[in-house]
PDB file of N, CA and C in Angstrom:
ATOM      1  N   MET A   1     187.782-100.454 195.828  1.00  0.00           N
ATOM      2  CA  MET A   1     187.921-100.965 197.428  1.00  0.00           C
ATOM      3  C   MET A   1     186.901 -99.909 198.284  1.00  0.00           C
ATOM      4  N   ARG A   2     186.356-100.442 199.475  1.00  0.00           N
ATOM      5  CA  ARG A   2     185.243 -99.679 200.069  1.00  0.00           C
ATOM      6  C   ARG A   2     185.996 -98.985 200.934  1.00  0.00           C
ATOM      7  N   ARG A   3     185.765 -97.844 201.624  1.00  0.00           N
ATOM      8  CA  ARG A   3     186.588 -97.273 202.875  1.00  0.00           C
ATOM      9  C   ARG A   3     185.675 -97.788 203.849  1.00  0.00           C
ATOM     10  N   VAL A   4     186.151 -98.130 205.087  1.00  0.00           N
ATOM     11  CA  VAL A   4     185.493 -98.586 206.290  1.00  0.00           C
ATOM     12  C   VAL A   4     185.715 -97.179 207.116  1.00  0.00           C
ATOM     13  N   ARG A   5     184.428 -97.101 207.809  1.00  0.00           N
ATOM     14  CA  ARG A   5     184.522 -95.538 208.293  1.00  0.00           C
ATOM     15  C   ARG A   5     184.965 -96.245 209.797  1.00  0.00           C
ATOM     16  N   TRP A   6     186.033 -94.827 210.500  1.00  0.00           N
ATOM     17  CA  TRP A   6     186.422 -95.083 211.679  1.00  0.00           C
ATOM     18  C   TRP A   6     185.801 -95.657 212.876  1.00  0.00           C
ATOM     19  N   ARG A   7     184.436 -94.872 212.840  1.00  0.00           N
ATOM     20  CA  ARG A   7     183.568 -94.749 214.027  1.00  0.00           C
ATOM     21  C   ARG A   7     183.065 -96.462 214.114  1.00  0.00           C
ATOM     22  N   SER A   8     182.702 -96.896 212.914  1.00  0.00           N
ATOM     23  CA  SER A   8     181.929 -98.107 212.821  1.00  0.00           C
ATOM     24  C   SER A   8     183.287 -99.137 213.169  1.00  0.00           C
ATOM     25  N   CYS A   9     184.167 -99.326 212.794  1.00  0.00           N
ATOM     26  CA  CYS A   9     185.134-100.169 213.166  1.00  0.00           C
ATOM     27  C   CYS A   9     185.374-100.051 214.985  1.00  0.00           C
ATOM     28  N   SER A  10     185.639 -98.779 215.443  1.00  0.00           N
ATOM     29  CA  SER A  10     186.005 -98.758 216.841  1.00  0.00           C
ATOM     30  C   SER A  10     184.923 -99.281 217.556  1.00  0.00           C
ATOM     31  N   PHE A  11     183.590 -98.458 217.222  1.00  0.00           N
ATOM     32  CA  PHE A  11     182.479 -99.064 218.359  1.00  0.00           C
ATOM     33  C   PHE A  11     181.973-100.656 218.127  1.00  0.00           C
ATOM     34  N   SER A  12     182.734-101.476 216.758  1.00  0.00           N
ATOM     35  CA  SER A  12     182.726-102.926 216.871  1.00  0.00           C
ATOM     36  C   SER A  12     183.475-103.421 217.876  1.00  0.00           C
ATOM     37  N   HIS A  13     184.734-102.868 217.680  1.00  0.00           N
ATOM     38  CA  HIS A  13     185.676-103.119 218.841  1.00  0.00           C
ATOM     39  C   HIS A  13     185.278-103.008 220.238  1.00  0.00           C
ATOM     40  N   PHE A  14     184.432-102.061 220.502  1.00  0.00           N
ATOM     41  CA  PHE A  14     183.971-101.772 221.607  1.00  0.00           C
ATOM     42  C   PHE A  14     182.842-102.640 222.273  1.00  0.00           C
ATOM     43  N   PHE A  15     182.014-103.045 221.592  1.00  0.00           N
ATOM     44  CA  PHE A  15     180.860-104.294 221.494  1.00  0.00           C
ATOM     45  C   PHE A  15     181.811-105.079 222.037  1.00  0.00           C
ATOM     46  N   VAL A  16     182.478-105.853 221.292  1.00  0.00           N
ATOM     47  CA  VAL A  16     183.485-107.292 221.734  1.00  0.00           C
ATOM     48  C   VAL A  16     184.020-106.953 223.047  1.00  0.00           C
ATOM     49  N   PHE A  17     184.693-106.302 223.266  1.00  0.00           N
ATOM     50  CA  PHE A  17     185.543-105.833 224.553  1.00  0.00           C
ATOM     51  C   PHE A  17     184.602-105.882 225.479  1.00  0.00           C
ATOM     52  N   THR A  18     183.376-105.079 225.193  1.00  0.00           N
ATOM     53  CA  THR A  18     182.333-105.042 226.199  1.00  0.00           C
ATOM     54  C   THR A  18     181.647-106.301 226.697  1.00  0.00           C
ATOM     55  N   ALA A  19     181.444-107.216 225.755  1.00  0.00           N
ATOM     56  CA  ALA A  19     181.002-108.556 226.126  1.00  0.00           C
ATOM     57  C   ALA A  19     181.812-109.030 226.645  1.00  0.00           C
ATOM     58  N   ILE A  20     183.022-109.357 226.413  1.00  0.00           N
ATOM     59  CA  ILE A  20     184.053-109.891 227.102  1.00  0.00           C
ATOM     60  C   ILE A  20     183.986-109.632 229.057  1.00  0.00           C
ATOM     61  N   ILE A  21     184.299-108.014 228.704  1.00  0.00           N
ATOM     62  CA  ILE A  21     184.526-108.072 230.176  1.00  0.00           C
ATOM     63  C   ILE A  21     183.133-108.356 230.996  1.00  0.00           C
ATOM     64  N   VAL A  22     182.008-108.205 230.386  1.00  0.00           N
ATOM     65  CA  VAL A  22     180.830-108.626 231.121  1.00  0.00           C
ATOM     66  C   VAL A  22     180.801-109.903 231.381  1.00  0.00           C
ATOM     67  N   VAL A  23     180.897-110.787 230.563  1.00  0.00           N
ATOM     68  CA  VAL A  23     181.124-112.369 230.949  1.00  0.00           C
ATOM     69  C   VAL A  23     182.183-112.380 231.835  1.00  0.00           C
ATOM     70  N   VAL A  24     182.956-112.066 231.946  1.00  0.00           N
ATOM     71  CA  VAL A  24     183.748-112.263 233.188  1.00  0.00           C
ATOM     72  C   VAL A  24     183.387-111.860 234.221  1.00  0.00           C
ATOM     73  N   LEU A  25     183.341-110.434 234.397  1.00  0.00           N
ATOM     74  CA  LEU A  25     182.446-109.886 235.671  1.00  0.00           C
ATOM     75  C   LEU A  25     181.421-110.679 236.112  1.00  0.00           C
ATOM     76  N   ALA A  26     180.671-111.189 235.292  1.00  0.00           N
ATOM     77  CA  ALA A  26     179.275-112.272 235.556  1.00  0.00           C
ATOM     78  C   ALA A  26     180.046-113.634 236.101  1.00  0.00           C
ATOM     79  N   MET A  27     180.922-114.240 235.753  1.00  0.00           N
ATOM     80  CA  MET A  27     181.326-115.186 236.290  1.00  0.00           C
ATOM     81  C   MET A  27     182.102-114.994 237.504  1.00  0.00           C
ATOM     82  N   VAL A  28     182.865-113.767 238.018  1.00  0.00           N
ATOM     83  CA  VAL A  28     183.408-113.905 239.024  1.00  0.00           C
ATOM     84  C   VAL A  28     181.953-113.589 239.968  1.00  0.00           C
ATOM     85  N   TRP A  29     181.038-112.609 239.641  1.00  0.00           N
ATOM     86  CA  TRP A  29     180.222-112.632 240.611  1.00  0.00           C
ATOM     87  C   TRP A  29     179.321-113.700 241.297  1.00  0.00           C
ATOM     88  N   PHE A  30     179.016-114.234 239.930  1.00  0.00           N
ATOM     89  CA  PHE A  30     177.550-115.119 240.016  1.00  0.00           C
ATOM     90  C   PHE A  30     178.534-116.681 240.042  1.00  0.00           C
ATOM     91  N   GLY A  31     179.698-116.798 239.957  1.00  0.00           N
ATOM     92  CA  GLY A  31     180.351-118.009 239.925  1.00  0.00           C
ATOM     93  C   GLY A  31     179.962-118.616 238.298  1.00  0.00           C
ATOM     94  N   THR A  32     179.839-119.878 237.791  1.00  0.00           N
ATOM     95  CA  THR A  32     179.396-120.550 236.885  1.00  0.00           C
ATOM     96  C   THR A  32     178.201-121.266 236.632  1.00  0.00           C
ATOM     97  N   GLY A  33     177.244-120.663 237.305  1.00  0.00           N
ATOM     98  CA  GLY A  33     176.162-121.322 237.718  1.00  0.00           C
ATOM     99  C   GLY A  33     175.039-120.714 236.315  1.00  0.00           C
ATOM    100  N   SER A  34     173.887-121.026 236.854  1.00  0.00           N
ATOM    101  CA  SER A  34     173.213-120.816 235.621  1.00  0.00           C
ATOM    102  C   SER A  34     172.502-119.515 235.321  1.00  0.00           C
ATOM    103  N   MET A  35     172.826-118.218 236.408  1.00  0.00           N
ATOM    104  CA  MET A  35     172.448-116.953 236.273  1.00  0.00           C
ATOM    105  C   MET A  35     173.569-116.532 235.476  1.00  0.00           C
ATOM    106  N   VAL A  36     174.911-116.755 235.259  1.00  0.00           N
ATOM    107  CA  VAL A  36     175.534-116.091 234.108  1.00  0.00           C
ATOM    108  C   VAL A  36     175.175-115.805 233.135  1.00  0.00           C
ATOM    109  N   PRO A  37     174.443-116.637 232.646  1.00  0.00           N
ATOM    110  CA  PRO A  37     173.895-116.373 230.728  1.00  0.00           C
ATOM    111  C   PRO A  37     172.614-115.517 230.758  1.00  0.00           C
ATOM    112  N   VAL A  38     171.842-115.438 231.762  1.00  0.00           N
ATOM    113  CA  VAL A  38     171.137-114.505 232.125  1.00  0.00           C
ATOM    114  C   VAL A  38     170.862-113.390 232.372  1.00  0.00           C
ATOM    115  N   PHE A  39     172.250-112.995 233.127  1.00  0.00           N
ATOM    116  CA  PHE A  39     172.701-111.904 233.359  1.00  0.00           C
ATOM    117  C   PHE A  39     173.327-111.115 232.373  1.00  0.00           C
ATOM    118  N   VAL A  40     174.139-111.833 231.317  1.00  0.00           N
ATOM    119  CA  VAL A  40     175.247-111.234 230.603  1.00  0.00           C
ATOM    120  C   VAL A  40     173.970-110.646 229.183  1.00  0.00           C
ATOM    121  N   VAL A  41     172.842-111.653 229.089  1.00  0.00           N
ATOM    122  CA  VAL A  41     172.166-111.403 228.094  1.00  0.00           C
ATOM    123  C   VAL A  41     170.912-110.254 228.886  1.00  0.00           C
ATOM    124  N   ALA A  42     170.802-110.208 229.634  1.00  0.00           N
ATOM    125  CA  ALA A  42     170.190-108.784 229.955  1.00  0.00           C
ATOM    126  C   ALA A  42     170.777-107.564 230.157  1.00  0.00           C
ATOM    127  N   VAL A  43     172.057-107.478 230.147  1.00  0.00           N
ATOM    128  CA  VAL A  43     172.883-106.682 230.331  1.00  0.00           C
ATOM    129  C   VAL A  43     173.213-105.878 229.121  1.00  0.00           C
ATOM    130  N   LEU A  44     173.855-106.749 228.037  1.00  0.00           N
ATOM    131  CA  LEU A  44     174.099-106.407 226.781  1.00  0.00           C
ATOM    132  C   LEU A  44     172.644-106.156 225.673  1.00  0.00           C
ATOM    133  N   MET A  45     171.657-106.865 226.075  1.00  0.00           N
ATOM    134  CA  MET A  45     170.432-106.269 225.406  1.00  0.00           C
ATOM    135  C   MET A  45     170.073-105.320 226.051  1.00  0.00           C
ATOM    136  N   PHE A  46     170.006-104.827 227.308  1.00  0.00           N
ATOM    137  CA  PHE A  46     169.196-103.476 227.538  1.00  0.00           C
ATOM    138  C   PHE A  46     169.608-102.211 226.690  1.00  0.00           C
ATOM    139  N   PRO A  47     170.628-101.893 226.620  1.00  0.00           N
ATOM    140  CA  PRO A  47     171.087-100.497 225.551  1.00  0.00           C
ATOM    141  C   PRO A  47     170.115-100.507 224.511  1.00  0.00           C
ATOM    142  N   GLY A  48     170.291-101.562 223.256  1.00  0.00           N
ATOM    143  CA  GLY A  48     169.746-101.599 222.469  1.00  0.00           C
ATOM    144  C   GLY A  48     168.207-101.651 222.402  1.00  0.00           C
ATOM    145  N   THR A  49     167.573-102.305 223.278  1.00  0.00           N
ATOM    146  CA  THR A  49     166.270-102.086 223.299  1.00  0.00           C
ATOM    147  C   THR A  49     165.648-101.060 223.925  1.00  0.00           C
ATOM    148  N   TYR A  50     166.466-100.345 225.055  1.00  0.00           N
ATOM    149  CA  TYR A  50     166.125 -99.054 225.600  1.00  0.00           C
ATOM    150  C   TYR A  50     165.972 -97.882 224.289  1.00  0.00           C
ATOM    151  N   LEU A  51     167.146 -97.990 223.095  1.00  0.00           N
ATOM    152  CA  LEU A  51     167.179 -97.170 222.644  1.00  0.00           C
ATOM    153  C   LEU A  51     166.103 -97.108 221.122  1.00  0.00           C
ATOM    154  N   ASN A  52     166.114 -98.335 220.933  1.00  0.00           N
ATOM    155  CA  ASN A  52     164.888 -98.692 220.048  1.00  0.00           C
ATOM    156  C   ASN A  52     163.598 -98.361 220.498  1.00  0.00           C
ATOM    157  N   THR A  53     163.424 -98.932 221.878  1.00  0.00           N
ATOM    158  CA  THR A  53     161.519 -98.168 222.065  1.00  0.00           C
ATOM    159  C   THR A  53     161.546 -96.833 222.299  1.00  0.00           C
ATOM    160  N   ALA A  54     162.223 -96.215 222.658  1.00  0.00           N
ATOM    161  CA  ALA A  54     162.546 -94.575 222.965  1.00  0.00           C
ATOM    162  C   ALA A  54     162.368 -93.875 221.545  1.00  0.00           C
ATOM    163  N   ASP A  55     163.096 -94.291 220.442  1.00  0.00           N
ATOM    164  CA  ASP A  55     163.216 -93.982 219.069  1.00  0.00           C
ATOM    165  C   ASP A  55     161.334 -94.674 218.627  1.00  0.00           C
ATOM    166  N   GLY A  56     160.769 -95.660 218.853  1.00  0.00           N
ATOM    167  CA  GLY A  56     159.600 -95.724 218.520  1.00  0.00           C
ATOM    168  C   GLY A  56     158.633 -94.766 218.656  1.00  0.00           C
ATOM    169  N   TRP A  57     158.708 -94.733 220.248  1.00  0.00           N
ATOM    170  CA  TRP A  57     157.756 -93.755 221.088  1.00  0.00           C
ATOM    171  C   TRP A  57     157.929 -92.177 220.117  1.00  0.00           C
ATOM    172  N   ARG A  58     159.191 -91.758 219.983  1.00  0.00           N
ATOM    173  CA  ARG A  58     159.312 -90.572 219.331  1.00  0.00           C
ATOM    174  C   ARG A  58     158.629 -90.195 217.912  1.00  0.00           C
ATOM    175  N   SER A  59     158.731 -91.861 217.550  1.00  0.00           N
ATOM    176  CA  SER A  59     158.290 -91.627 215.759  1.00  0.00           C
ATOM    177  C   SER A  59     156.496 -91.750 215.579  1.00  0.00           C
ATOM    178  N   ILE A  60     155.888 -91.837 217.157  1.00  0.00           N
ATOM    179  CA  ILE A  60     154.720 -92.122 216.417  1.00  0.00           C
ATOM    180  C   ILE A  60     154.070 -90.765 216.662  1.00  0.00           C
ATOM    181  N   ASP A  61     152.813 -90.859 215.668  1.00  0.00           N
ATOM    182  CA  ASP A  61     152.029 -89.551 215.117  1.00  0.00           C
ATOM    183  C   ASP A  61     151.236 -89.419 215.961  1.00  0.00           C
ATOM    184  N   THR A  62     150.939 -88.083 216.938  1.00  0.00           N
ATOM    185  CA  THR A  62     150.183 -88.033 218.005  1.00  0.00           C
ATOM    186  C   THR A  62     148.574 -87.750 217.573  1.00  0.00           C
ATOM    187  N   ALA A  63     148.681 -87.203 216.287  1.00  0.00           N
ATOM    188  CA  ALA A  63     147.299 -87.003 216.047  1.00  0.00           C
ATOM    189  C   ALA A  63     146.525 -87.934 215.363  1.00  0.00           C
ATOM    190  N   LYS A  64     147.374 -89.206 214.705  1.00  0.00           N
ATOM    191  CA  LYS A  64     146.739 -90.392 214.763  1.00  0.00           C
ATOM    192  C   LYS A  64     146.086 -91.021 215.621  1.00  0.00           C
ATOM    193  N   VAL A  65     146.802 -91.330 216.883  1.00  0.00           N
ATOM    194  CA  VAL A  65     146.948 -91.637 217.784  1.00  0.00           C
ATOM    195  C   VAL A  65     145.389 -91.377 218.715  1.00  0.00           C
ATOM    196  N   LEU A  66     145.212 -89.851 218.712  1.00  0.00           N
ATOM    197  CA  LEU A  66     144.209 -88.862 219.136  1.00  0.00           C
ATOM    198  C   LEU A  66     142.812 -89.254 218.526  1.00  0.00           C
ATOM    199  N   ALA A  67     142.883 -89.426 217.135  1.00  0.00           N
ATOM    200  CA  ALA A  67     141.979 -89.551 215.961  1.00  0.00           C
ATOM    201  C   ALA A  67     141.321 -91.115 216.573  1.00  0.00           C
ATOM    202  N   TRP A  68     142.172 -92.248 216.665  1.00  0.00           N
ATOM    203  CA  TRP A  68     141.559 -93.483 216.559  1.00  0.00           C
ATOM    204  C   TRP A  68     141.464 -93.648 218.268  1.00  0.00           C
ATOM    205  N   THR A  69     141.532 -93.005 218.990  1.00  0.00           N
ATOM    206  CA  THR A  69     141.185 -92.922 220.508  1.00  0.00           C
ATOM    207  C   THR A  69     139.847 -92.670 220.472  1.00  0.00           C
ATOM    208  N   LEU A  70     139.505 -91.175 219.705  1.00  0.00           N
ATOM    209  CA  LEU A  70     138.061 -90.626 219.832  1.00  0.00           C
ATOM    210  C   LEU A  70     137.349 -91.951 219.087  1.00  0.00           C
ATOM    211  N   VAL A  71     137.933 -92.335 217.951  1.00  0.00           N
ATOM    212  CA  VAL A  71     136.687 -93.474 217.251  1.00  0.00           C
ATOM    213  C   VAL A  71     136.364 -94.390 217.981  1.00  0.00           C
ATOM    214  N   SER A  72     137.371 -94.845 219.142  1.00  0.00           N
ATOM    215  CA  SER A  72     137.131 -96.042 219.732  1.00  0.00           C
ATOM    216  C   SER A  72     136.459 -95.785 220.938  1.00  0.00           C
ATOM    217  N   ILE A  73     136.386 -94.739 221.256  1.00  0.00           N
ATOM    218  CA  ILE A  73     135.269 -93.850 222.573  1.00  0.00           C
ATOM    219  C   ILE A  73     133.764 -93.993 222.223  1.00  0.00           C
ATOM    220  N   PHE A  74     133.561 -93.574 220.813  1.00  0.00           N
ATOM    221  CA  PHE A  74     132.305 -93.535 220.099  1.00  0.00           C
ATOM    222  C   PHE A  74     132.019 -94.746 219.924  1.00  0.00           C
ATOM    223  N   ILE A  75     132.888 -95.869 219.278  1.00  0.00           N
ATOM    224  CA  ILE A  75     132.037 -97.413 218.839  1.00  0.00           C
ATOM    225  C   ILE A  75     131.778 -97.677 220.144  1.00  0.00           C
ATOM    226  N   ILE A  76     132.630 -97.901 220.825  1.00  0.00           N
ATOM    227  CA  ILE A  76     132.252 -98.605 222.175  1.00  0.00           C
ATOM    228  C   ILE A  76     131.135 -98.003 223.034  1.00  0.00           C
TER     229      ILE A  76
END
């Protein structure tokens, strides 16, 4: 039987409750119109998108970027 890590279990519950709270708050703020799904998706997707983008920027090899920049300047 595989052991479940305590952190992964608690974070999954945190995200579920956060989603429920955000949906309820959006319905209180915006009513039940078409703005609620847009707001909920934007709020819930922002942290993951931000963290993945920041991680991608940190993983770029600056030497290769500089080399390709110099190559493209001399080709054009």
